[in-house]
PDB file of N, CA and C in Angstrom:
ATOM      1  N   MET A   1     137.268 114.436 108.752  1.00  0.00           N
ATOM      2  CA  MET A   1     137.153 115.650 109.524  1.00  0.00           C
ATOM      3  C   MET A   1     136.160 115.414 110.661  1.00  0.00           C
ATOM      4  N   SER A   2     136.555 115.756 111.860  1.00  0.00           N
ATOM      5  CA  SER A   2     135.707 115.559 113.022  1.00  0.00           C
ATOM      6  C   SER A   2     135.391 116.901 113.667  1.00  0.00           C
ATOM      7  N   SER A   3     134.115 117.090 113.999  1.00  0.00           N
ATOM      8  CA  SER A   3     133.705 118.354 114.615  1.00  0.00           C
ATOM      9  C   SER A   3     133.749 118.285 116.131  1.00  0.00           C
ATOM     10  N   GLY A   4     133.845 117.063 116.673  1.00  0.00           N
ATOM     11  CA  GLY A   4     133.817 116.897 118.120  1.00  0.00           C
ATOM     12  C   GLY A   4     132.404 116.932 118.679  1.00  0.00           C
ATOM     13  N   LYS A   5     131.427 117.054 117.814  1.00  0.00           N
ATOM     14  CA  LYS A   5     130.036 117.111 118.256  1.00  0.00           C
ATOM     15  C   LYS A   5     129.381 115.755 118.056  1.00  0.00           C
ATOM     16  N   ASP A   6     128.313 115.536 118.800  1.00  0.00           N
ATOM     17  CA  ASP A   6     127.537 114.320 118.604  1.00  0.00           C
ATOM     18  C   ASP A   6     126.071 114.607 118.878  1.00  0.00           C
ATOM     19  N   GLY A   7     125.227 113.657 118.566  1.00  0.00           N
ATOM     20  CA  GLY A   7     123.800 113.786 118.842  1.00  0.00           C
ATOM     21  C   GLY A   7     123.153 114.939 118.106  1.00  0.00           C
ATOM     22  N   THR A   8     122.321 115.665 118.854  1.00  0.00           N
ATOM     23  CA  THR A   8     121.553 116.766 118.277  1.00  0.00           C
ATOM     24  C   THR A   8     122.448 117.881 117.758  1.00  0.00           C
ATOM     25  N   ALA A   9     123.526 118.164 118.485  1.00  0.00           N
ATOM     26  CA  ALA A   9     124.436 119.240 118.068  1.00  0.00           C
ATOM     27  C   ALA A   9     125.053 118.930 116.703  1.00  0.00           C
ATOM     28  N   LEU A  10     125.427 117.676 116.487  1.00  0.00           N
ATOM     29  CA  LEU A  10     125.990 117.276 115.199  1.00  0.00           C
ATOM     30  C   LEU A  10     124.952 117.394 114.088  1.00  0.00           C
ATOM     31  N   THR A  11     123.731 116.974 114.382  1.00  0.00           N
ATOM     32  CA  THR A  11     122.654 117.067 113.390  1.00  0.00           C
ATOM     33  C   THR A  11     122.358 118.521 113.050  1.00  0.00           C
ATOM     34  N   GLN A  12     122.298 119.374 114.060  1.00  0.00           N
ATOM     35  CA  GLN A  12     122.040 120.793 113.818  1.00  0.00           C
ATOM     36  C   GLN A  12     123.164 121.411 112.984  1.00  0.00           C
ATOM     37  N   THR A  13     124.399 121.052 113.270  1.00  0.00           N
ATOM     38  CA  THR A  13     125.519 121.574 112.494  1.00  0.00           C
ATOM     39  C   THR A  13     125.427 121.139 111.037  1.00  0.00           C
ATOM     40  N   ALA A  14     125.098 119.866 110.825  1.00  0.00           N
ATOM     41  CA  ALA A  14     124.969 119.354 109.456  1.00  0.00           C
ATOM     42  C   ALA A  14     123.859 120.076 108.703  1.00  0.00           C
ATOM     43  N   PHE A  15     122.719 120.282 109.345  1.00  0.00           N
ATOM     44  CA  PHE A  15     121.618 120.970 108.679  1.00  0.00           C
ATOM     45  C   PHE A  15     121.930 122.450 108.465  1.00  0.00           C
ATOM     46  N   THR A  16     122.686 123.056 109.365  1.00  0.00           N
ATOM     47  CA  THR A  16     123.080 124.453 109.181  1.00  0.00           C
ATOM     48  C   THR A  16     124.023 124.588 107.994  1.00  0.00           C
ATOM     49  N   ILE A  17     124.920 123.640 107.832  1.00  0.00           N
ATOM     50  CA  ILE A  17     125.819 123.660 106.673  1.00  0.00           C
ATOM     51  C   ILE A  17     125.017 123.507 105.388  1.00  0.00           C
ATOM     52  N   GLY A  18     124.014 122.631 105.410  1.00  0.00           N
ATOM     53  CA  GLY A  18     123.224 122.377 104.208  1.00  0.00           C
ATOM     54  C   GLY A  18     122.170 123.424 103.915  1.00  0.00           C
ATOM     55  N   PHE A  19     121.540 123.972 104.960  1.00  0.00           N
ATOM     56  CA  PHE A  19     120.398 124.869 104.761  1.00  0.00           C
ATOM     57  C   PHE A  19     120.578 126.264 105.350  1.00  0.00           C
ATOM     58  N   GLY A  20     121.761 126.564 105.835  1.00  0.00           N
ATOM     59  CA  GLY A  20     121.980 127.874 106.444  1.00  0.00           C
ATOM     60  C   GLY A  20     121.357 127.936 107.830  1.00  0.00           C
ATOM     61  N   SER A  21     121.011 129.124 108.263  1.00  0.00           N
ATOM     62  CA  SER A  21     120.481 129.295 109.621  1.00  0.00           C
ATOM     63  C   SER A  21     119.129 128.599 109.814  1.00  0.00           C
ATOM     64  N   PHE A  22     118.448 128.285 108.724  1.00  0.00           N
ATOM     65  CA  PHE A  22     117.178 127.565 108.817  1.00  0.00           C
ATOM     66  C   PHE A  22     117.375 126.141 109.350  1.00  0.00           C
ATOM     67  N   GLY A  23     118.582 125.589 109.187  1.00  0.00           N
ATOM     68  CA  GLY A  23     118.858 124.225 109.640  1.00  0.00           C
ATOM     69  C   GLY A  23     118.657 124.057 111.133  1.00  0.00           C
ATOM     70  N   ASP A  24     119.147 125.008 111.933  1.00  0.00           N
ATOM     71  CA  ASP A  24     118.954 124.957 113.393  1.00  0.00           C
ATOM     72  C   ASP A  24     117.479 124.989 113.750  1.00  0.00           C
ATOM     73  N   ILE A  25     116.756 125.884 113.115  1.00  0.00           N
ATOM     74  CA  ILE A  25     115.331 126.041 113.403  1.00  0.00           C
ATOM     75  C   ILE A  25     114.569 124.780 113.005  1.00  0.00           C
ATOM     76  N   PHE A  26     114.894 124.237 111.856  1.00  0.00           N
ATOM     77  CA  PHE A  26     114.226 123.029 111.368  1.00  0.00           C
ATOM     78  C   PHE A  26     114.411 121.864 112.340  1.00  0.00           C
ATOM     79  N   ILE A  27     115.642 121.631 112.788  1.00  0.00           N
ATOM     80  CA  ILE A  27     115.914 120.534 113.714  1.00  0.00           C
ATOM     81  C   ILE A  27     115.208 120.765 115.048  1.00  0.00           C
ATOM     82  N   ALA A  28     115.204 121.999 115.530  1.00  0.00           N
ATOM     83  CA  ALA A  28     114.531 122.305 116.790  1.00  0.00           C
ATOM     84  C   ALA A  28     113.027 122.014 116.689  1.00  0.00           C
ATOM     85  N   ILE A  29     112.419 122.400 115.582  1.00  0.00           N
ATOM     86  CA  ILE A  29     110.988 122.145 115.384  1.00  0.00           C
ATOM     87  C   ILE A  29     110.715 120.643 115.276  1.00  0.00           C
ATOM     88  N   CYS A  30     111.569 119.940 114.540  1.00  0.00           N
ATOM     89  CA  CYS A  30     111.406 118.487 114.415  1.00  0.00           C
ATOM     90  C   CYS A  30     111.523 117.805 115.772  1.00  0.00           C
ATOM     91  N   LEU A  31     112.499 118.219 116.578  1.00  0.00           N
ATOM     92  CA  LEU A  31     112.667 117.635 117.906  1.00  0.00           C
ATOM     93  C   LEU A  31     111.471 117.930 118.799  1.00  0.00           C
ATOM     94  N   LEU A  32     110.939 119.131 118.700  1.00  0.00           N
ATOM     95  CA  LEU A  32     109.768 119.497 119.491  1.00  0.00           C
ATOM     96  C   LEU A  32     108.593 118.573 119.166  1.00  0.00           C
ATOM     97  N   PHE A  33     108.306 118.410 117.873  1.00  0.00           N
ATOM     98  CA  PHE A  33     107.189 117.559 117.478  1.00  0.00           C
ATOM     99  C   PHE A  33     107.440 116.090 117.809  1.00  0.00           C
ATOM    100  N   PHE A  34     108.676 115.636 117.629  1.00  0.00           N
ATOM    101  CA  PHE A  34     109.008 114.255 117.949  1.00  0.00           C
ATOM    102  C   PHE A  34     108.835 113.996 119.442  1.00  0.00           C
ATOM    103  N   ALA A  35     109.378 114.873 120.265  1.00  0.00           N
ATOM    104  CA  ALA A  35     109.282 114.690 121.719  1.00  0.00           C
ATOM    105  C   ALA A  35     107.831 114.757 122.180  1.00  0.00           C
ATOM    106  N   PHE A  36     107.096 115.731 121.690  1.00  0.00           N
ATOM    107  CA  PHE A  36     105.704 115.902 122.104  1.00  0.00           C
ATOM    108  C   PHE A  36     104.849 114.706 121.689  1.00  0.00           C
ATOM    109  N   SER A  37     104.990 114.272 120.446  1.00  0.00           N
ATOM    110  CA  SER A  37     104.186 113.139 119.984  1.00  0.00           C
ATOM    111  C   SER A  37     104.594 111.844 120.684  1.00  0.00           C
ATOM    112  N   THR A  38     105.867 111.701 121.013  1.00  0.00           N
ATOM    113  CA  THR A  38     106.313 110.515 121.741  1.00  0.00           C
ATOM    114  C   THR A  38     105.722 110.493 123.147  1.00  0.00           C
ATOM    115  N   ILE A  39     105.747 111.634 123.834  1.00  0.00           N
ATOM    116  CA  ILE A  39     105.166 111.719 125.174  1.00  0.00           C
ATOM    117  C   ILE A  39     103.671 111.407 125.120  1.00  0.00           C
ATOM    118  N   LEU A  40     102.964 111.985 124.166  1.00  0.00           N
ATOM    119  CA  LEU A  40     101.525 111.719 124.054  1.00  0.00           C
ATOM    120  C   LEU A  40     101.243 110.250 123.754  1.00  0.00           C
ATOM    121  N   GLY A  41     102.009 109.689 122.842  1.00  0.00           N
ATOM    122  CA  GLY A  41     101.800 108.289 122.459  1.00  0.00           C
ATOM    123  C   GLY A  41     102.039 107.331 123.613  1.00  0.00           C
ATOM    124  N   TRP A  42     103.147 107.495 124.310  1.00  0.00           N
ATOM    125  CA  TRP A  42     103.452 106.617 125.439  1.00  0.00           C
ATOM    126  C   TRP A  42     102.473 106.843 126.585  1.00  0.00           C
ATOM    127  N   HIS A  43     102.063 108.089 126.780  1.00  0.00           N
ATOM    128  CA  HIS A  43     101.083 108.361 127.833  1.00  0.00           C
ATOM    129  C   HIS A  43      99.769 107.646 127.530  1.00  0.00           C
ATOM    130  N   PHE A  44      99.295 107.735 126.306  1.00  0.00           N
ATOM    131  CA  PHE A  44      98.049 107.074 125.919  1.00  0.00           C
ATOM    132  C   PHE A  44      98.166 105.562 126.090  1.00  0.00           C
ATOM    133  N   PHE A  45      99.259 105.016 125.622  1.00  0.00           N
ATOM    134  CA  PHE A  45      99.509 103.570 125.736  1.00  0.00           C
ATOM    135  C   PHE A  45      99.480 103.131 127.195  1.00  0.00           C
ATOM    136  N   GLY A  46     100.203 103.850 128.039  1.00  0.00           N
ATOM    137  CA  GLY A  46     100.262 103.504 129.452  1.00  0.00           C
ATOM    138  C   GLY A  46      98.937 103.688 130.162  1.00  0.00           C
ATOM    139  N   GLU A  47      98.221 104.755 129.824  1.00  0.00           N
ATOM    140  CA  GLU A  47      96.931 105.016 130.464  1.00  0.00           C
ATOM    141  C   GLU A  47      95.923 103.921 130.148  1.00  0.00           C
ATOM    142  N   ILE A  48      95.876 103.498 128.911  1.00  0.00           N
ATOM    143  CA  ILE A  48      94.955 102.424 128.524  1.00  0.00           C
ATOM    144  C   ILE A  48      95.286 101.146 129.297  1.00  0.00           C
ATOM    145  N   ASN A  49      96.575 100.846 129.413  1.00  0.00           N
ATOM    146  CA  ASN A  49      96.978  99.648 130.158  1.00  0.00           C
ATOM    147  C   ASN A  49      96.681  99.782 131.648  1.00  0.00           C
ATOM    148  N   ALA A  50      96.909 100.957 132.216  1.00  0.00           N
ATOM    149  CA  ALA A  50      96.611 101.176 133.641  1.00  0.00           C
ATOM    150  C   ALA A  50      95.113 101.007 133.904  1.00  0.00           C
ATOM    151  N   ARG A  51      94.291 101.559 133.019  1.00  0.00           N
ATOM    152  CA  ARG A  51      92.832 101.402 133.177  1.00  0.00           C
ATOM    153  C   ARG A  51      92.420  99.935 133.096  1.00  0.00           C
ATOM    154  N   TYR A  52      92.981  99.245 132.143  1.00  0.00           N
ATOM    155  CA  TYR A  52      92.625  97.835 131.963  1.00  0.00           C
ATOM    156  C   TYR A  52      93.040  97.006 133.172  1.00  0.00           C
ATOM    157  N   LEU A  53      94.254  97.244 133.662  1.00  0.00           N
ATOM    158  CA  LEU A  53      94.778  96.428 134.752  1.00  0.00           C
ATOM    159  C   LEU A  53      94.230  96.814 136.127  1.00  0.00           C
ATOM    160  N   PHE A  54      94.043  98.130 136.358  1.00  0.00           N
ATOM    161  CA  PHE A  54      93.741  98.585 137.713  1.00  0.00           C
ATOM    162  C   PHE A  54      92.460  99.398 137.845  1.00  0.00           C
ATOM    163  N   GLY A  55      91.752  99.680 136.765  1.00  0.00           N
ATOM    164  CA  GLY A  55      90.513 100.443 136.840  1.00  0.00           C
ATOM    165  C   GLY A  55      90.705 101.918 136.522  1.00  0.00           C
ATOM    166  N   LYS A  56      89.583 102.652 136.482  1.00  0.00           N
ATOM    167  CA  LYS A  56      89.598 104.060 136.065  1.00  0.00           C
ATOM    168  C   LYS A  56      90.400 104.959 136.999  1.00  0.00           C
ATOM    169  N   LYS A  57      90.374 104.663 138.297  1.00  0.00           N
ATOM    170  CA  LYS A  57      91.096 105.509 139.245  1.00  0.00           C
ATOM    171  C   LYS A  57      92.597 105.470 139.003  1.00  0.00           C
ATOM    172  N   ALA A  58      93.083 104.381 138.471  1.00  0.00           N
ATOM    173  CA  ALA A  58      94.512 104.251 138.207  1.00  0.00           C
ATOM    174  C   ALA A  58      94.972 105.218 137.122  1.00  0.00           C
ATOM    175  N   ALA A  59      94.075 105.622 136.240  1.00  0.00           N
ATOM    176  CA  ALA A  59      94.445 106.552 135.167  1.00  0.00           C
ATOM    177  C   ALA A  59      94.890 107.893 135.742  1.00  0.00           C
ATOM    178  N   LYS A  60      94.238 108.328 136.806  1.00  0.00           N
ATOM    179  CA  LYS A  60      94.628 109.599 137.428  1.00  0.00           C
ATOM    180  C   LYS A  60      95.990 109.486 138.093  1.00  0.00           C
ATOM    181  N   VAL A  61      96.220 108.386 138.768  1.00  0.00           N
ATOM    182  CA  VAL A  61      97.524 108.158 139.398  1.00  0.00           C
ATOM    183  C   VAL A  61      98.607 108.083 138.326  1.00  0.00           C
ATOM    184  N   TYR A  62      98.312 107.378 137.252  1.00  0.00           N
ATOM    185  CA  TYR A  62      99.265 107.260 136.148  1.00  0.00           C
ATOM    186  C   TYR A  62      99.582 108.636 135.562  1.00  0.00           C
ATOM    187  N   PHE A  63      98.571 109.481 135.429  1.00  0.00           N
ATOM    188  CA  PHE A  63      98.769 110.825 134.887  1.00  0.00           C
ATOM    189  C   PHE A  63      99.745 111.615 135.755  1.00  0.00           C
ATOM    190  N   VAL A  64      99.580 111.528 137.061  1.00  0.00           N
ATOM    191  CA  VAL A  64     100.478 112.238 137.982  1.00  0.00           C
ATOM    192  C   VAL A  64     101.903 111.693 137.865  1.00  0.00           C
ATOM    193  N   ILE A  65     102.033 110.382 137.771  1.00  0.00           N
ATOM    194  CA  ILE A  65     103.358 109.772 137.620  1.00  0.00           C
ATOM    195  C   ILE A  65     104.022 110.250 136.341  1.00  0.00           C
ATOM    196  N   VAL A  66     103.253 110.301 135.261  1.00  0.00           N
ATOM    197  CA  VAL A  66     103.793 110.771 133.986  1.00  0.00           C
ATOM    198  C   VAL A  66     104.267 112.222 134.105  1.00  0.00           C
ATOM    199  N   LEU A  67     103.464 113.067 134.718  1.00  0.00           N
ATOM    200  CA  LEU A  67     103.864 114.469 134.894  1.00  0.00           C
ATOM    201  C   LEU A  67     105.155 114.588 135.689  1.00  0.00           C
ATOM    202  N   VAL A  68     105.264 113.825 136.768  1.00  0.00           N
ATOM    203  CA  VAL A  68     106.481 113.862 137.580  1.00  0.00           C
ATOM    204  C   VAL A  68     107.692 113.451 136.748  1.00  0.00           C
ATOM    205  N   PHE A  69     107.555 112.382 135.965  1.00  0.00           N
ATOM    206  CA  PHE A  69     108.677 111.928 135.150  1.00  0.00           C
ATOM    207  C   PHE A  69     109.002 112.901 134.020  1.00  0.00           C
ATOM    208  N   ILE A  70     108.009 113.579 133.476  1.00  0.00           N
ATOM    209  CA  ILE A  70     108.282 114.596 132.450  1.00  0.00           C
ATOM    210  C   ILE A  70     109.096 115.733 133.053  1.00  0.00           C
ATOM    211  N   ILE A  71     108.708 116.171 134.245  1.00  0.00           N
ATOM    212  CA  ILE A  71     109.437 117.261 134.903  1.00  0.00           C
ATOM    213  C   ILE A  71     110.859 116.819 135.248  1.00  0.00           C
ATOM    214  N   ILE A  72     110.991 115.642 135.852  1.00  0.00           N
ATOM    215  CA  ILE A  72     112.332 115.144 136.191  1.00  0.00           C
ATOM    216  C   ILE A  72     113.173 114.957 134.931  1.00  0.00           C
ATOM    217  N   GLY A  73     112.575 114.343 133.906  1.00  0.00           N
ATOM    218  CA  GLY A  73     113.304 114.100 132.656  1.00  0.00           C
ATOM    219  C   GLY A  73     113.767 115.366 131.969  1.00  0.00           C
ATOM    220  N   SER A  74     112.990 116.431 132.099  1.00  0.00           N
ATOM    221  CA  SER A  74     113.386 117.686 131.451  1.00  0.00           C
ATOM    222  C   SER A  74     114.547 118.364 132.181  1.00  0.00           C
ATOM    223  N   MET A  75     114.817 117.944 133.414  1.00  0.00           N
ATOM    224  CA  MET A  75     115.921 118.532 134.177  1.00  0.00           C
ATOM    225  C   MET A  75     117.188 117.687 134.129  1.00  0.00           C
ATOM    226  N   LEU A  76     117.098 116.457 133.672  1.00  0.00           N
ATOM    227  CA  LEU A  76     118.267 115.578 133.611  1.00  0.00           C
ATOM    228  C   LEU A  76     119.050 115.800 132.319  1.00  0.00           C
ATOM    229  N   LYS A  77     120.267 115.290 132.297  1.00  0.00           N
ATOM    230  CA  LYS A  77     121.070 115.339 131.077  1.00  0.00           C
ATOM    231  C   LYS A  77     120.480 114.371 130.055  1.00  0.00           C
ATOM    232  N   VAL A  78     120.629 114.705 128.800  1.00  0.00           N
ATOM    233  CA  VAL A  78     120.026 113.926 127.723  1.00  0.00           C
ATOM    234  C   VAL A  78     120.532 112.484 127.726  1.00  0.00           C
ATOM    235  N   ASP A  79     121.814 112.284 127.971  1.00  0.00           N
ATOM    236  CA  ASP A  79     122.368 110.929 127.973  1.00  0.00           C
ATOM    237  C   ASP A  79     121.696 110.048 129.027  1.00  0.00           C
ATOM    238  N   ILE A  80     121.437 110.624 130.196  1.00  0.00           N
ATOM    239  CA  ILE A  80     120.784 109.860 131.261  1.00  0.00           C
ATOM    240  C   ILE A  80     119.345 109.525 130.866  1.00  0.00           C
ATOM    241  N   VAL A  81     118.660 110.480 130.268  1.00  0.00           N
ATOM    242  CA  VAL A  81     117.270 110.244 129.844  1.00  0.00           C
ATOM    243  C   VAL A  81     117.216 109.124 128.812  1.00  0.00           C
ATOM    244  N   TRP A  82     118.125 109.140 127.832  1.00  0.00           N
ATOM    245  CA  TRP A  82     118.143 108.084 126.827  1.00  0.00           C
ATOM    246  C   TRP A  82     118.474 106.736 127.448  1.00  0.00           C
ATOM    247  N   SER A  83     119.400 106.717 128.388  1.00  0.00           N
ATOM    248  CA  SER A  83     119.747 105.452 129.056  1.00  0.00           C
ATOM    249  C   SER A  83     118.561 104.907 129.840  1.00  0.00           C
ATOM    250  N   LEU A  84     117.860 105.781 130.554  1.00  0.00           N
ATOM    251  CA  LEU A  84     116.673 105.348 131.286  1.00  0.00           C
ATOM    252  C   LEU A  84     115.577 104.847 130.342  1.00  0.00           C
ATOM    253  N   ALA A  85     115.384 105.563 129.235  1.00  0.00           N
ATOM    254  CA  ALA A  85     114.378 105.139 128.256  1.00  0.00           C
ATOM    255  C   ALA A  85     114.723 103.765 127.692  1.00  0.00           C
ATOM    256  N   ASP A  86     115.996 103.547 127.359  1.00  0.00           N
ATOM    257  CA  ASP A  86     116.425 102.243 126.860  1.00  0.00           C
ATOM    258  C   ASP A  86     116.221 101.158 127.907  1.00  0.00           C
ATOM    259  N   PHE A  87     116.554 101.467 129.150  1.00  0.00           N
ATOM    260  CA  PHE A  87     116.411 100.495 130.234  1.00  0.00           C
ATOM    261  C   PHE A  87     114.953 100.084 130.419  1.00  0.00           C
ATOM    262  N   PHE A  88     114.050 101.064 130.491  1.00  0.00           N
ATOM    263  CA  PHE A  88     112.647 100.739 130.734  1.00  0.00           C
ATOM    264  C   PHE A  88     111.999 100.081 129.513  1.00  0.00           C
ATOM    265  N   ASN A  89     112.445 100.429 128.318  1.00  0.00           N
ATOM    266  CA  ASN A  89     111.948  99.715 127.134  1.00  0.00           C
ATOM    267  C   ASN A  89     112.416  98.265 127.156  1.00  0.00           C
ATOM    268  N   ALA A  90     113.652  98.046 127.595  1.00  0.00           N
ATOM    269  CA  ALA A  90     114.171  96.677 127.676  1.00  0.00           C
ATOM    270  C   ALA A  90     113.408  95.866 128.719  1.00  0.00           C
ATOM    271  N   LEU A  91     112.969  96.510 129.797  1.00  0.00           N
ATOM    272  CA  LEU A  91     112.198  95.805 130.817  1.00  0.00           C
ATOM    273  C   LEU A  91     110.887  95.252 130.268  1.00  0.00           C
ATOM    274  N   MET A  92     110.368  95.864 129.207  1.00  0.00           N
ATOM    275  CA  MET A  92     109.113  95.390 128.629  1.00  0.00           C
ATOM    276  C   MET A  92     109.267  94.021 127.976  1.00  0.00           C
ATOM    277  N   VAL A  93     110.499  93.593 127.757  1.00  0.00           N
ATOM    278  CA  VAL A  93     110.729  92.273 127.183  1.00  0.00           C
ATOM    279  C   VAL A  93     110.240  91.187 128.144  1.00  0.00           C
ATOM    280  N   ILE A  94     110.395  91.418 129.435  1.00  0.00           N
ATOM    281  CA  ILE A  94     110.060  90.384 130.421  1.00  0.00           C
ATOM    282  C   ILE A  94     108.590  89.978 130.355  1.00  0.00           C
ATOM    283  N   PRO A  95     107.624  90.896 130.514  1.00  0.00           N
ATOM    284  CA  PRO A  95     106.226  90.445 130.442  1.00  0.00           C
ATOM    285  C   PRO A  95     105.840  89.938 129.055  1.00  0.00           C
ATOM    286  N   ASN A  96     106.430  90.508 128.010  1.00  0.00           N
ATOM    287  CA  ASN A  96     106.105  90.040 126.659  1.00  0.00           C
ATOM    288  C   ASN A  96     106.626  88.631 126.424  1.00  0.00           C
ATOM    289  N   ALA A  97     107.833  88.335 126.889  1.00  0.00           N
ATOM    290  CA  ALA A  97     108.381  86.986 126.729  1.00  0.00           C
ATOM    291  C   ALA A  97     107.574  85.979 127.538  1.00  0.00           C
ATOM    292  N   LEU A  98     107.174  86.362 128.745  1.00  0.00           N
ATOM    293  CA  LEU A  98     106.347  85.477 129.562  1.00  0.00           C
ATOM    294  C   LEU A  98     104.995  85.213 128.898  1.00  0.00           C
ATOM    295  N   ALA A  99     104.401  86.246 128.317  1.00  0.00           N
ATOM    296  CA  ALA A  99     103.118  86.078 127.627  1.00  0.00           C
ATOM    297  C   ALA A  99     103.268  85.178 126.404  1.00  0.00           C
ATOM    298  N   LEU A 100     104.344  85.359 125.654  1.00  0.00           N
ATOM    299  CA  LEU A 100     104.576  84.490 124.491  1.00  0.00           C
ATOM    300  C   LEU A 100     104.736  83.039 124.913  1.00  0.00           C
ATOM    301  N   LEU A 101     105.467  82.827 125.981  1.00  0.00           N
ATOM    302  CA  LEU A 101     105.653  81.470 126.483  1.00  0.00           C
ATOM    303  C   LEU A 101     104.331  80.883 126.950  1.00  0.00           C
ATOM    304  N   ALA A 102     103.562  81.666 127.687  1.00  0.00           N
ATOM    305  CA  ALA A 102     102.288  81.182 128.212  1.00  0.00           C
ATOM    306  C   ALA A 102     101.273  80.887 127.106  1.00  0.00           C
ATOM    307  N   LEU A 103     101.316  81.661 126.028  1.00  0.00           N
ATOM    308  CA  LEU A 103     100.326  81.499 124.956  1.00  0.00           C
ATOM    309  C   LEU A 103     100.804  80.602 123.814  1.00  0.00           C
ATOM    310  N   SER A 104     102.021  80.099 123.870  1.00  0.00           N
ATOM    311  CA  SER A 104     102.550  79.313 122.753  1.00  0.00           C
ATOM    312  C   SER A 104     101.724  78.059 122.487  1.00  0.00           C
ATOM    313  N   GLY A 105     101.267  77.399 123.535  1.00  0.00           N
ATOM    314  CA  GLY A 105     100.429  76.208 123.341  1.00  0.00           C
ATOM    315  C   GLY A 105      99.124  76.537 122.648  1.00  0.00           C
ATOM    316  N   THR A 106      98.531  77.663 123.010  1.00  0.00           N
ATOM    317  CA  THR A 106      97.278  78.108 122.380  1.00  0.00           C
ATOM    318  C   THR A 106      97.502  78.403 120.904  1.00  0.00           C
ATOM    319  N   VAL A 107      98.611  79.046 120.593  1.00  0.00           N
ATOM    320  CA  VAL A 107      98.924  79.382 119.199  1.00  0.00           C
ATOM    321  C   VAL A 107      99.117  78.114 118.379  1.00  0.00           C
ATOM    322  N   VAL A 108      99.829  77.150 118.932  1.00  0.00           N
ATOM    323  CA  VAL A 108     100.043  75.881 118.222  1.00  0.00           C
ATOM    324  C   VAL A 108      98.710  75.184 117.974  1.00  0.00           C
ATOM    325  N   ALA A 109      97.863  75.120 118.995  1.00  0.00           N
ATOM    326  CA  ALA A 109      96.562  74.442 118.847  1.00  0.00           C
ATOM    327  C   ALA A 109      95.689  75.143 117.809  1.00  0.00           C
ATOM    328  N   LEU A 110      95.637  76.463 117.871  1.00  0.00           N
ATOM    329  CA  LEU A 110      94.831  77.213 116.901  1.00  0.00           C
ATOM    330  C   LEU A 110      95.381  77.067 115.483  1.00  0.00           C
ATOM    331  N   SER A 111      96.702  77.021 115.337  1.00  0.00           N
ATOM    332  CA  SER A 111      97.302  76.858 114.015  1.00  0.00           C
ATOM    333  C   SER A 111      96.965  75.499 113.426  1.00  0.00           C
ATOM    334  N   LYS A 112      97.040  74.476 114.261  1.00  0.00           N
ATOM    335  CA  LYS A 112      96.683  73.130 113.780  1.00  0.00           C
ATOM    336  C   LYS A 112      95.215  73.063 113.396  1.00  0.00           C
ATOM    337  N   LYS A 113      94.353  73.644 114.236  1.00  0.00           N
ATOM    338  CA  LYS A 113      92.916  73.646 113.962  1.00  0.00           C
ATOM    339  C   LYS A 113      92.622  74.395 112.660  1.00  0.00           C
ATOM    340  N   PHE A 114      93.285  75.520 112.456  1.00  0.00           N
ATOM    341  CA  PHE A 114      93.106  76.298 111.229  1.00  0.00           C
ATOM    342  C   PHE A 114      93.571  75.495 110.023  1.00  0.00           C
ATOM    343  N   GLY A 115      94.709  74.822 110.147  1.00  0.00           N
ATOM    344  CA  GLY A 115      95.238  74.020 109.042  1.00  0.00           C
ATOM    345  C   GLY A 115      94.321  72.879 108.664  1.00  0.00           C
ATOM    346  N   GLU A 116      93.757  72.226 109.666  1.00  0.00           N
ATOM    347  CA  GLU A 116      92.833  71.119 109.392  1.00  0.00           C
ATOM    348  C   GLU A 116      91.545  71.623 108.753  1.00  0.00           C
ATOM    349  N   LYS A 117      91.049  72.754 109.243  1.00  0.00           N
ATOM    350  CA  LYS A 117      89.788  73.307 108.745  1.00  0.00           C
ATOM    351  C   LYS A 117      89.911  73.768 107.292  1.00  0.00           C
ATOM    352  N   ASN A 118      91.022  74.367 106.959  1.00  0.00           N
ATOM    353  CA  ASN A 118      91.200  74.952 105.634  1.00  0.00           C
ATOM    354  C   ASN A 118      92.073  74.116 104.713  1.00  0.00           C
ATOM    355  N   ASN A 119      92.387  72.899 105.133  1.00  0.00           N
ATOM    356  CA  ASN A 119      93.238  72.006 104.345  1.00  0.00           C
ATOM    357  C   ASN A 119      94.546  72.668 103.934  1.00  0.00           C
ATOM    358  N   THR A 120      95.080  73.450 104.829  1.00  0.00           N
ATOM    359  CA  THR A 120      96.392  74.063 104.573  1.00  0.00           C
ATOM    360  C   THR A 120      97.338  73.561 105.639  1.00  0.00           C
ATOM    361  N   TYR A 121      98.272  72.767 105.205  1.00  0.00           N
ATOM    362  CA  TYR A 121      99.225  72.192 106.149  1.00  0.00           C
ATOM    363  C   TYR A 121     100.617  72.775 105.957  1.00  0.00           C
ATOM    364  N   ASN A 122     100.683  73.916 105.339  1.00  0.00           N
ATOM    365  CA  ASN A 122     101.975  74.545 105.115  1.00  0.00           C
ATOM    366  C   ASN A 122     102.315  75.540 106.235  1.00  0.00           C
ATOM    367  N   ILE A 123     101.684  75.400 107.365  1.00  0.00           N
ATOM    368  CA  ILE A 123     102.006  76.245 108.511  1.00  0.00           C
ATOM    369  C   ILE A 123     103.066  75.505 109.320  1.00  0.00           C
ATOM    370  N   TYR A 124     104.229  76.095 109.385  1.00  0.00           N
ATOM    371  CA  TYR A 124     105.337  75.468 110.096  1.00  0.00           C
ATOM    372  C   TYR A 124     105.465  76.068 111.479  1.00  0.00           C
ATOM    373  N   ILE A 125     105.475  75.226 112.457  1.00  0.00           N
ATOM    374  CA  ILE A 125     105.627  75.686 113.840  1.00  0.00           C
ATOM    375  C   ILE A 125     106.928  75.104 114.368  1.00  0.00           C
ATOM    376  N   ILE A 126     107.752  75.991 114.832  1.00  0.00           N
ATOM    377  CA  ILE A 126     109.059  75.575 115.332  1.00  0.00           C
ATOM    378  C   ILE A 126     108.967  75.343 116.821  1.00  0.00           C
TER     379      ILE A 126
END
């Protein structure tokens, strides 16, 4: 049986079937807390990085950028917002992969030094 619904609408329908009219309210409250905590978490993460990379003044600029994106994101369709979120999360792979590559020699050297110091040679480095 297919309802033709997807995403939040499908979840709300399922919870309404299981819990009555409380199901809609429950999902709405859960989404509110999830969205709010996600925005706060990512904002904090980004602000700390902006301060570290560019100084204290960058935190204010970052705050304004975040506000602009929150306003724009709240006016866009949900599918577009999720696609943008996926895209920008995927972009984070680039600096992380570069950092892993740049630090791989350091990790190998430290692992060997640790193994020699503690007589543990069961550390396998690929």
